[in-house]
Amino acid sequence: MQHMRTCLYKKFKVPGPSKSTSRGKEWNIDLIPKFFLATGQLVKILVHTEVTRYLDFKVVEGSYVYKGGKVHKVPATEEDAHSSDLMGMFDKRRLKKLLLFALNFDVRNPRTYQDIDPQKTTTRDLFARFDLGLDVIEVIGHAIALHSSESYLDEPCVETISRIRLYVESLTRHSTTPYLYPVYGLGELPQGFARLSAEYGGTFLLNRTVDEIVMDNGKVTAVKSEGKLFHCKQLICDPSYVPSRVRKVGRVIRVICLLNHPVKNTHEANSCQIIIPQTQLNRKSDIYISVVSFNHNVASDGMYIATVSTTAETINPEKEVQPGLELLEPIMQKFVSVSNLLVPKDDGTKSQIFVSRSFDATNHFESECVDIKDMYRRLTGAELSFVASRHQSHNSDED
C-alpha cells in the first residue's frame, strides 16, 4: 500500500509532481490509510506475533467529529468535556455515566449489567436508559463506538458497549486520542513481517506476477509465478487474485489529498481523524478523513496527506465526498479512486483457498480484524487466542 510520491502520480496518471515538492524519498503514501486503536485487536495481534520489535508507532494527535457545518474535537479529557460545545452540561453528565458503565461492564459478570440484558436490550433502549439526547447519541455511536451506519441502534447493545470500552481504554493509554499510526506508514507492516518471517526460514518474493493458481481435484496445490511452481496445501490471498471466487457488495471511494497546511479547526494537528456522521448529510454511510504528515515521516517537512473515504451510494461518488474535501481546502493535488467492495463466495474449506474481504471505507482496522479472526478460524479450525505469547521476552506495553 505504500508508494513514493512520484509513483503515486504515475499510478493515478496525474501530471507532476512539481520540483518544489518532488523529493520522493521523503514520501511514503498509503493508498488505504487506517489507524490502530491502541488497545484494539490488531495491536494485540501484532504484539502476539512480536512483529512490533520491528515497528515504531506515534500517537495520532486529534480526533474530531463534524456537526452543524463545523469540526469539533471529540473530548479526550474532563477539561475537554467541560469546554466542548458538542453537547449541553446535562448531556455531558449523562455521557460520563454511560462511559463509566461501559468501563465497568463485564459480559461474564451479570452484577455489572445494572438490570440491562446486553444480549436482548437494544442500543437504542440502552441510550434511553441513560436519557441521552440525539446530539450525544451521534457522538457516541459514530465518533466513539465507531459505527458506520445507524443499524446498530436496533441491535443488541453488547457490541456497542464493547466498542465504547475499547475506545475509552485506548484513549486512557495515550491521553490525547486512542489512535496510533506507524512511523513511515503502513508499508512498515509487511516489511516487519518479512524480517520476522526470515527468522523462521520464510521467504518474501517481491515484484513477481502470479500466472496461475494450480488446482487438483478442486483443491489448490501450487502457485505458478514466472515459470516456477510454489507448492502449497493452503493459499491466502486478496480478491484481486481470484476474481471468480468473489462477489461485489458495494463500492468505496477514496480521495488522497496533498496539503501544505494543517486542516482548519484541528488545533494545528500534525495528524488527526475526522468523522462526518451520516445523519449530518442525510446519507446512509459516514465519511472518514485521516490526516498524517511529516510528523510520522510519511511526507516532506511541512506537508500533509489527507484521505477522504466513504461507501459510495450514488453514480457520482466524488460528489458524495465533497463535504469532506471542503474541510481540507486549499488542496494542492487530489488522487481519486473508486474500488469495488468484494467478499468471498464461500469459506474456502473445500478449495483451501482463503480469500480476504476488500478493505472497507473506515479509517481504522477493527473491521479488518474481524475478517482476520474469521480467516484464522477457517484456516485452522480454532479461534485466534492471545493467551500465550510465543516468547516471554516481549513486553506488550511497547506498542
Protein backbone atom coordinates (compact mmCIF):
# COMPACT_ATOMS: atom_id res chain seq x y z
CA MET A 1 0.00 0.00 0.00
CA GLN A 2 2.99 2.25 0.28
CA HIS A 3 4.15 4.35 -2.68
CA MET A 4 6.64 7.15 -3.01
CA ARG A 5 5.03 10.33 -4.23
CA THR A 6 6.32 10.10 -7.79
CA CYS A 7 4.86 6.58 -8.04
CA LEU A 8 1.52 7.97 -6.86
CA TYR A 9 1.38 10.43 -9.76
CA LYS A 10 2.15 7.61 -12.21
CA LYS A 11 -0.42 5.24 -10.68
CA PHE A 12 -3.21 7.81 -10.97
CA LYS A 13 -1.90 9.14 -14.30
CA VAL A 14 -1.67 12.68 -12.94
CA PRO A 15 0.96 15.09 -14.34
CA GLY A 16 3.69 16.03 -11.86
CA PRO A 17 4.95 16.30 -9.25
CA SER A 18 6.35 19.82 -9.12
CA LYS A 19 10.08 20.23 -8.48
CA SER A 20 9.42 22.05 -5.20
CA THR A 21 7.76 19.00 -3.63
CA SER A 22 9.18 16.07 -5.61
CA ARG A 23 11.64 14.71 -3.05
CA GLY A 24 10.29 11.17 -3.42
CA LYS A 25 12.40 9.56 -0.71
CA GLU A 26 10.68 11.71 1.91
CA TRP A 27 7.22 10.45 0.97
CA ASN A 28 5.52 7.19 1.99
CA ILE A 29 1.91 7.46 0.91
CA ASP A 30 -0.53 4.71 1.88
CA LEU A 31 -3.27 4.08 -0.65
CA ILE A 32 -5.60 2.85 2.11
CA PRO A 33 -4.53 4.59 5.32
CA LYS A 34 -6.02 3.21 8.52
CA PHE A 35 -5.32 3.93 12.17
CA PHE A 36 -4.80 1.46 15.01
CA LEU A 37 -6.81 1.64 18.23
CA ALA A 38 -4.17 1.50 20.97
CA THR A 39 -5.78 -1.47 22.75
CA GLY A 40 -7.56 -2.78 19.66
CA GLN A 41 -7.49 -6.22 18.12
CA LEU A 42 -4.79 -5.53 15.55
CA VAL A 43 -2.35 -4.17 18.13
CA LYS A 44 -2.96 -7.33 20.19
CA ILE A 45 -2.29 -9.48 17.11
CA LEU A 46 0.91 -7.60 16.29
CA VAL A 47 2.16 -7.80 19.88
CA HIS A 48 1.32 -11.53 19.98
CA THR A 49 3.38 -12.19 16.84
CA GLU A 50 6.20 -9.98 18.21
CA VAL A 51 6.49 -8.13 14.90
CA THR A 52 6.28 -4.95 16.99
CA ARG A 53 10.02 -5.37 17.56
CA TYR A 54 10.45 -4.02 14.05
CA LEU A 55 7.81 -1.26 14.19
CA ASP A 56 7.58 2.21 15.71
CA PHE A 57 4.27 3.95 16.32
CA LYS A 58 3.27 7.52 17.08
CA VAL A 59 0.02 8.70 18.59
CA VAL A 60 -2.42 10.45 16.27
CA GLU A 61 -2.80 13.96 17.70
CA GLY A 62 -6.50 14.70 17.29
CA SER A 63 -9.91 13.07 16.98
CA TYR A 64 -12.75 15.19 15.59
CA VAL A 65 -16.37 14.92 14.57
CA TYR A 66 -18.34 17.09 12.12
CA LYS A 67 -21.54 18.64 13.40
CA GLY A 68 -23.62 21.57 12.20
CA GLY A 69 -21.15 22.54 9.50
CA LYS A 70 -18.17 22.69 11.90
CA VAL A 71 -15.40 20.36 13.08
CA HIS A 72 -15.46 19.68 16.83
CA LYS A 73 -12.88 17.92 18.96
CA VAL A 74 -14.02 14.63 20.49
CA PRO A 75 -13.33 15.22 24.21
CA ALA A 76 -10.25 13.35 25.44
CA THR A 77 -10.08 14.75 28.98
CA GLU A 78 -12.51 16.03 31.60
CA GLU A 79 -11.32 19.54 30.78
CA ASP A 80 -12.09 18.92 27.08
CA ALA A 81 -15.55 17.71 28.01
CA HIS A 82 -16.35 20.80 30.09
CA SER A 83 -15.26 23.19 27.31
CA SER A 84 -16.80 21.22 24.43
CA ASP A 85 -19.81 22.70 22.65
CA LEU A 86 -20.80 19.32 21.21
CA MET A 87 -23.44 18.92 23.92
CA GLY A 88 -25.02 20.66 26.88
CA MET A 89 -23.95 20.32 30.51
CA PHE A 90 -26.66 17.81 31.45
CA ASP A 91 -25.81 15.62 28.46
CA LYS A 92 -22.15 15.72 29.48
CA ARG A 93 -23.07 14.28 32.88
CA ARG A 94 -25.18 11.55 31.28
CA LEU A 95 -22.39 10.73 28.85
CA LYS A 96 -19.96 10.37 31.76
CA LYS A 97 -22.34 7.91 33.47
CA LEU A 98 -22.57 5.82 30.28
CA LEU A 99 -18.78 5.78 29.83
CA LEU A 100 -18.32 4.63 33.44
CA PHE A 101 -20.94 1.93 32.92
CA ALA A 102 -19.14 0.69 29.79
CA LEU A 103 -15.75 0.68 31.54
CA ASN A 104 -17.09 -1.36 34.45
CA PHE A 105 -19.14 -3.69 32.25
CA ASP A 106 -18.02 -7.32 32.11
CA VAL A 107 -20.09 -9.68 29.98
CA ARG A 108 -19.02 -12.55 32.26
CA ASN A 109 -20.28 -10.78 35.39
CA PRO A 110 -24.05 -10.09 35.49
CA ARG A 111 -23.53 -7.85 38.52
CA THR A 112 -22.15 -5.21 36.14
CA TYR A 113 -25.27 -5.24 33.92
CA GLN A 114 -27.30 -2.74 36.01
CA ASP A 115 -30.55 -4.53 35.13
CA ILE A 116 -29.72 -4.40 31.40
CA ASP A 117 -29.71 -7.60 29.35
CA PRO A 118 -26.82 -6.95 26.91
CA GLN A 119 -27.96 -9.71 24.56
CA LYS A 120 -31.57 -8.51 24.34
CA THR A 121 -31.63 -4.80 25.18
CA THR A 122 -31.13 -2.76 22.01
CA THR A 123 -28.61 0.06 21.87
CA ARG A 124 -31.50 2.47 21.36
CA ASP A 125 -33.04 1.30 24.62
CA LEU A 126 -29.66 1.49 26.37
CA PHE A 127 -29.29 5.13 25.36
CA ALA A 128 -32.85 5.82 26.50
CA ARG A 129 -31.99 4.24 29.86
CA PHE A 130 -29.27 6.87 30.30
CA ASP A 131 -31.61 9.60 28.96
CA LEU A 132 -29.20 10.63 26.20
CA GLY A 133 -30.16 13.29 23.64
CA LEU A 134 -29.71 12.92 19.88
CA ASP A 135 -26.52 15.02 19.83
CA VAL A 136 -24.83 12.76 22.38
CA ILE A 137 -26.06 9.61 20.65
CA GLU A 138 -24.50 10.77 17.38
CA VAL A 139 -21.12 11.40 19.03
CA ILE A 140 -21.17 8.10 20.93
CA GLY A 141 -22.37 6.00 18.02
CA HIS A 142 -20.08 7.35 15.33
CA ALA A 143 -17.08 9.06 16.96
CA ILE A 144 -16.62 6.74 19.97
CA ALA A 145 -18.23 3.37 19.17
CA LEU A 146 -17.19 3.94 15.52
CA HIS A 147 -20.34 2.53 13.95
CA SER A 148 -20.58 3.40 10.26
CA SER A 149 -24.38 3.39 9.97
CA GLU A 150 -27.48 3.69 12.16
CA SER A 151 -28.39 -0.02 12.10
CA TYR A 152 -26.57 -0.59 15.40
CA LEU A 153 -29.32 1.25 17.29
CA ASP A 154 -31.74 -1.67 16.90
CA GLU A 155 -29.19 -4.39 17.57
CA PRO A 156 -28.25 -5.89 20.98
CA CYS A 157 -26.24 -3.34 22.94
CA VAL A 158 -23.41 -5.71 23.95
CA GLU A 159 -21.41 -4.85 20.81
CA THR A 160 -21.74 -1.09 21.31
CA ILE A 161 -20.78 -1.36 24.99
CA SER A 162 -17.68 -3.31 23.95
CA ARG A 163 -16.79 -0.67 21.35
CA ILE A 164 -17.20 2.20 23.83
CA ARG A 165 -14.99 0.40 26.31
CA LEU A 166 -12.34 -0.22 23.66
CA TYR A 167 -12.28 3.47 22.71
CA VAL A 168 -12.03 4.66 26.33
CA GLU A 169 -9.33 2.12 27.23
CA SER A 170 -7.34 3.07 24.13
CA LEU A 171 -7.73 6.75 24.98
CA THR A 172 -6.56 6.12 28.54
CA ARG A 173 -3.40 4.52 27.18
CA HIS A 174 -2.23 7.70 25.41
CA SER A 175 -4.47 10.51 26.77
CA THR A 176 -4.80 12.61 23.58
CA THR A 177 -6.51 10.19 21.17
CA PRO A 178 -6.98 6.40 21.08
CA TYR A 179 -5.26 6.10 17.69
CA LEU A 180 -1.77 5.07 16.60
CA TYR A 181 -0.06 5.15 13.20
CA PRO A 182 3.29 3.59 12.20
CA VAL A 183 6.29 5.83 11.67
CA TYR A 184 6.99 5.67 7.87
CA GLY A 185 3.44 4.44 7.22
CA LEU A 186 1.65 1.11 6.85
CA GLY A 187 4.31 -0.19 4.46
CA GLU A 188 6.32 -0.93 7.60
CA LEU A 189 3.91 -3.77 8.43
CA PRO A 190 4.86 -6.13 5.56
CA GLN A 191 8.49 -5.11 6.00
CA GLY A 192 8.33 -6.07 9.66
CA PHE A 193 6.71 -9.41 8.85
CA ALA A 194 9.34 -10.06 6.16
CA ARG A 195 12.04 -9.69 8.82
CA LEU A 196 10.11 -11.85 11.28
CA SER A 197 9.49 -14.48 8.61
CA ALA A 198 13.22 -14.68 7.87
CA GLU A 199 13.82 -15.72 11.49
CA TYR A 200 11.74 -18.84 10.82
CA GLY A 201 13.11 -19.65 7.38
CA GLY A 202 10.38 -17.90 5.43
CA THR A 203 10.96 -16.01 2.18
CA PHE A 204 9.24 -12.93 0.77
CA LEU A 205 9.24 -12.69 -3.05
CA LEU A 206 8.52 -9.15 -4.24
CA ASN A 207 7.52 -7.78 -7.65
CA ARG A 208 6.52 -11.18 -9.04
CA THR A 209 3.40 -11.81 -11.06
CA VAL A 210 1.11 -14.74 -10.30
CA ASP A 211 0.49 -16.59 -13.57
CA GLU A 212 -1.76 -19.37 -12.34
CA ILE A 213 -3.25 -20.97 -9.25
CA VAL A 214 -2.81 -24.71 -9.81
CA MET A 215 -5.69 -26.96 -8.69
CA ASP A 216 -6.06 -30.74 -8.38
CA ASN A 217 -9.48 -32.29 -7.72
CA GLY A 218 -10.84 -28.93 -6.63
CA LYS A 219 -8.03 -28.17 -4.16
CA VAL A 220 -5.10 -25.80 -4.50
CA THR A 221 -1.72 -27.47 -4.89
CA ALA A 222 0.58 -24.72 -6.13
CA VAL A 223 1.03 -21.17 -7.38
CA LYS A 224 2.80 -20.66 -10.71
CA SER A 225 4.87 -17.47 -10.94
CA GLU A 226 7.18 -16.55 -13.79
CA GLY A 227 7.54 -20.18 -14.82
CA LYS A 228 8.20 -21.57 -11.34
CA LEU A 229 5.87 -23.65 -9.20
CA PHE A 230 5.50 -22.91 -5.49
CA HIS A 231 3.70 -25.86 -3.90
CA CYS A 232 1.25 -25.35 -1.03
CA LYS A 233 -1.55 -27.01 0.89
CA GLN A 234 -3.38 -23.77 1.64
CA LEU A 235 -3.44 -20.39 -0.08
CA ILE A 236 -4.31 -17.00 1.42
CA CYS A 237 -4.94 -14.13 -0.97
CA ASP A 238 -6.93 -10.97 -1.55
CA PRO A 239 -9.81 -10.78 -4.08
CA SER A 240 -7.62 -9.46 -6.93
CA TYR A 241 -6.00 -12.89 -7.41
CA VAL A 242 -9.25 -14.88 -7.68
CA PRO A 243 -11.95 -12.72 -9.33
CA SER A 244 -14.15 -15.77 -9.99
CA ARG A 245 -14.29 -16.61 -6.28
CA VAL A 246 -15.61 -13.25 -5.04
CA ARG A 247 -18.74 -11.16 -5.41
CA LYS A 248 -19.34 -7.42 -5.33
CA VAL A 249 -21.27 -5.98 -2.38
CA GLY A 250 -20.63 -2.25 -2.90
CA ARG A 251 -18.08 0.42 -3.79
CA VAL A 252 -15.69 2.62 -1.85
CA ILE A 253 -14.34 5.99 -2.93
CA ARG A 254 -11.03 7.29 -1.59
CA VAL A 255 -9.51 10.67 -2.38
CA ILE A 256 -5.86 11.19 -1.38
CA CYS A 257 -5.10 14.89 -0.95
CA LEU A 258 -1.71 16.57 -0.64
CA LEU A 259 -1.73 19.67 1.57
CA ASN A 260 0.86 22.21 2.65
CA HIS A 261 -1.06 23.19 5.79
CA PRO A 262 -2.79 21.55 8.77
CA VAL A 263 -6.53 21.09 8.49
CA LYS A 264 -8.52 24.08 9.77
CA ASN A 265 -10.10 23.88 13.22
CA THR A 266 -7.92 20.94 14.30
CA HIS A 267 -5.66 22.98 16.60
CA GLU A 268 -2.80 22.75 14.08
CA ALA A 269 -2.71 18.95 14.49
CA ASN A 270 0.03 17.16 12.55
CA SER A 271 -2.22 14.10 12.41
CA CYS A 272 -5.90 13.55 13.09
CA GLN A 273 -9.11 11.74 12.29
CA ILE A 274 -12.35 13.47 11.33
CA ILE A 275 -15.66 11.63 11.09
CA ILE A 276 -18.68 13.11 9.34
CA PRO A 277 -21.69 11.15 10.65
CA GLN A 278 -24.18 10.10 8.01
CA THR A 279 -27.02 11.97 9.75
CA GLN A 280 -25.23 15.30 9.21
CA LEU A 281 -25.50 14.90 5.44
CA ASN A 282 -28.65 12.75 5.10
CA ARG A 283 -26.58 9.79 3.99
CA LYS A 284 -26.56 6.07 4.82
CA SER A 285 -22.79 5.93 5.47
CA ASP A 286 -20.28 8.05 7.37
CA ILE A 287 -17.47 9.96 5.65
CA TYR A 288 -13.98 9.43 7.09
CA ILE A 289 -10.96 11.73 6.91
CA SER A 290 -7.50 10.67 8.04
CA VAL A 291 -4.60 13.12 8.16
CA VAL A 292 -0.91 12.24 8.58
CA SER A 293 2.19 14.28 7.85
CA PHE A 294 5.92 14.78 8.16
CA ASN A 295 5.43 14.06 11.86
CA HIS A 296 5.03 10.35 11.01
CA ASN A 297 7.83 10.53 8.41
CA VAL A 298 5.42 10.00 5.53
CA ALA A 299 5.79 13.42 3.85
CA SER A 300 8.29 16.19 3.29
CA ASP A 301 8.69 18.76 6.04
CA GLY A 302 5.58 20.92 6.38
CA MET A 303 3.47 18.68 4.12
CA TYR A 304 0.30 16.72 4.96
CA ILE A 305 -1.51 13.75 3.43
CA ALA A 306 -5.27 13.67 3.95
CA THR A 307 -7.51 10.87 2.71
CA VAL A 308 -11.30 11.14 2.43
CA SER A 309 -13.27 7.91 2.11
CA THR A 310 -16.82 6.62 2.21
CA THR A 311 -19.05 3.88 0.90
CA ALA A 312 -20.41 5.07 -2.45
CA GLU A 313 -24.18 5.44 -2.56
CA THR A 314 -24.70 7.08 -5.99
CA ILE A 315 -23.32 7.00 -9.51
CA ASN A 316 -21.31 10.15 -8.69
CA PRO A 317 -19.22 9.18 -5.63
CA GLU A 318 -16.80 12.11 -5.96
CA LYS A 319 -19.69 14.47 -5.30
CA GLU A 320 -20.53 12.45 -2.17
CA VAL A 321 -17.16 13.19 -0.55
CA GLN A 322 -17.24 16.90 -1.44
CA PRO A 323 -18.20 17.95 2.12
CA GLY A 324 -15.05 16.23 3.36
CA LEU A 325 -12.87 17.79 0.67
CA GLU A 326 -14.17 21.25 1.54
CA LEU A 327 -12.78 20.84 5.06
CA LEU A 328 -9.30 20.34 3.59
CA GLU A 329 -9.12 23.36 1.27
CA PRO A 330 -6.85 24.53 -0.23
CA ILE A 331 -5.75 21.19 -1.75
CA MET A 332 -2.53 21.04 -3.76
CA GLN A 333 -3.33 17.78 -5.57
CA LYS A 334 -6.07 15.12 -5.48
CA PHE A 335 -5.87 11.45 -6.42
CA VAL A 336 -9.29 9.79 -6.78
CA SER A 337 -10.02 6.06 -6.78
CA VAL A 338 -13.28 4.11 -6.74
CA SER A 339 -12.93 0.45 -5.80
CA ASN A 340 -15.36 -2.44 -5.61
CA LEU A 341 -16.07 -3.96 -2.22
CA LEU A 342 -15.54 -7.68 -2.75
CA VAL A 343 -16.23 -10.63 -0.44
CA PRO A 344 -15.51 -14.37 -0.95
CA LYS A 345 -18.32 -16.53 -2.30
CA ASP A 346 -17.51 -19.40 0.07
CA ASP A 347 -15.45 -20.14 3.19
CA GLY A 348 -12.58 -21.72 1.25
CA THR A 349 -12.56 -25.04 3.12
CA LYS A 350 -13.18 -27.13 0.00
CA SER A 351 -10.62 -25.46 -2.26
CA GLN A 352 -8.29 -24.47 0.62
CA ILE A 353 -8.12 -21.02 -0.99
CA PHE A 354 -8.92 -18.47 1.70
CA VAL A 355 -9.84 -15.06 0.35
CA SER A 356 -9.92 -11.88 2.42
CA ARG A 357 -12.58 -9.20 2.13
CA SER A 358 -11.81 -5.86 0.49
CA PHE A 359 -10.80 -3.01 2.80
CA ASP A 360 -13.87 -1.02 3.80
CA ALA A 361 -14.25 2.76 3.92
CA THR A 362 -13.47 3.17 7.63
CA ASN A 363 -10.11 4.62 8.66
CA HIS A 364 -9.40 2.12 11.43
CA PHE A 365 -8.59 -1.61 11.37
CA GLU A 366 -11.27 -3.06 13.65
CA SER A 367 -13.50 -4.42 10.87
CA GLU A 368 -10.47 -5.92 9.12
CA CYS A 369 -9.59 -7.69 12.37
CA VAL A 370 -12.97 -9.42 12.32
CA ASP A 371 -12.01 -10.74 8.87
CA ILE A 372 -8.55 -11.80 10.12
CA LYS A 373 -10.03 -13.77 13.02
CA ASP A 374 -12.63 -15.35 10.75
CA MET A 375 -9.96 -16.41 8.23
CA TYR A 376 -7.81 -17.83 11.04
CA ARG A 377 -10.76 -19.94 12.21
CA ARG A 378 -11.41 -21.21 8.67
CA LEU A 379 -7.72 -21.96 8.15
CA THR A 380 -7.04 -23.77 11.42
CA GLY A 381 -10.42 -24.78 12.80
CA ALA A 382 -9.56 -22.93 16.03
CA GLU A 383 -10.28 -19.48 17.41
CA LEU A 384 -7.43 -16.94 17.42
CA SER A 385 -6.22 -16.61 21.00
CA PHE A 386 -3.79 -14.18 22.60
CA VAL A 387 -3.50 -16.04 25.91
CA ALA A 388 0.01 -17.43 25.42
CA SER A 389 2.80 -15.44 23.79
CA ARG A 390 5.22 -17.32 21.56
CA HIS A 391 8.12 -15.91 23.58
CA GLN A 392 8.17 -14.35 27.02
CA SER A 393 10.82 -11.77 26.15
CA HIS A 394 8.46 -9.23 24.58
CA ASN A 395 6.81 -6.56 26.69
CA SER A 396 3.28 -5.87 25.44
CA ASP A 397 3.47 -2.30 26.73
CA GLU A 398 5.93 -1.43 23.98
CA ASP A 399 3.22 -0.82 21.40
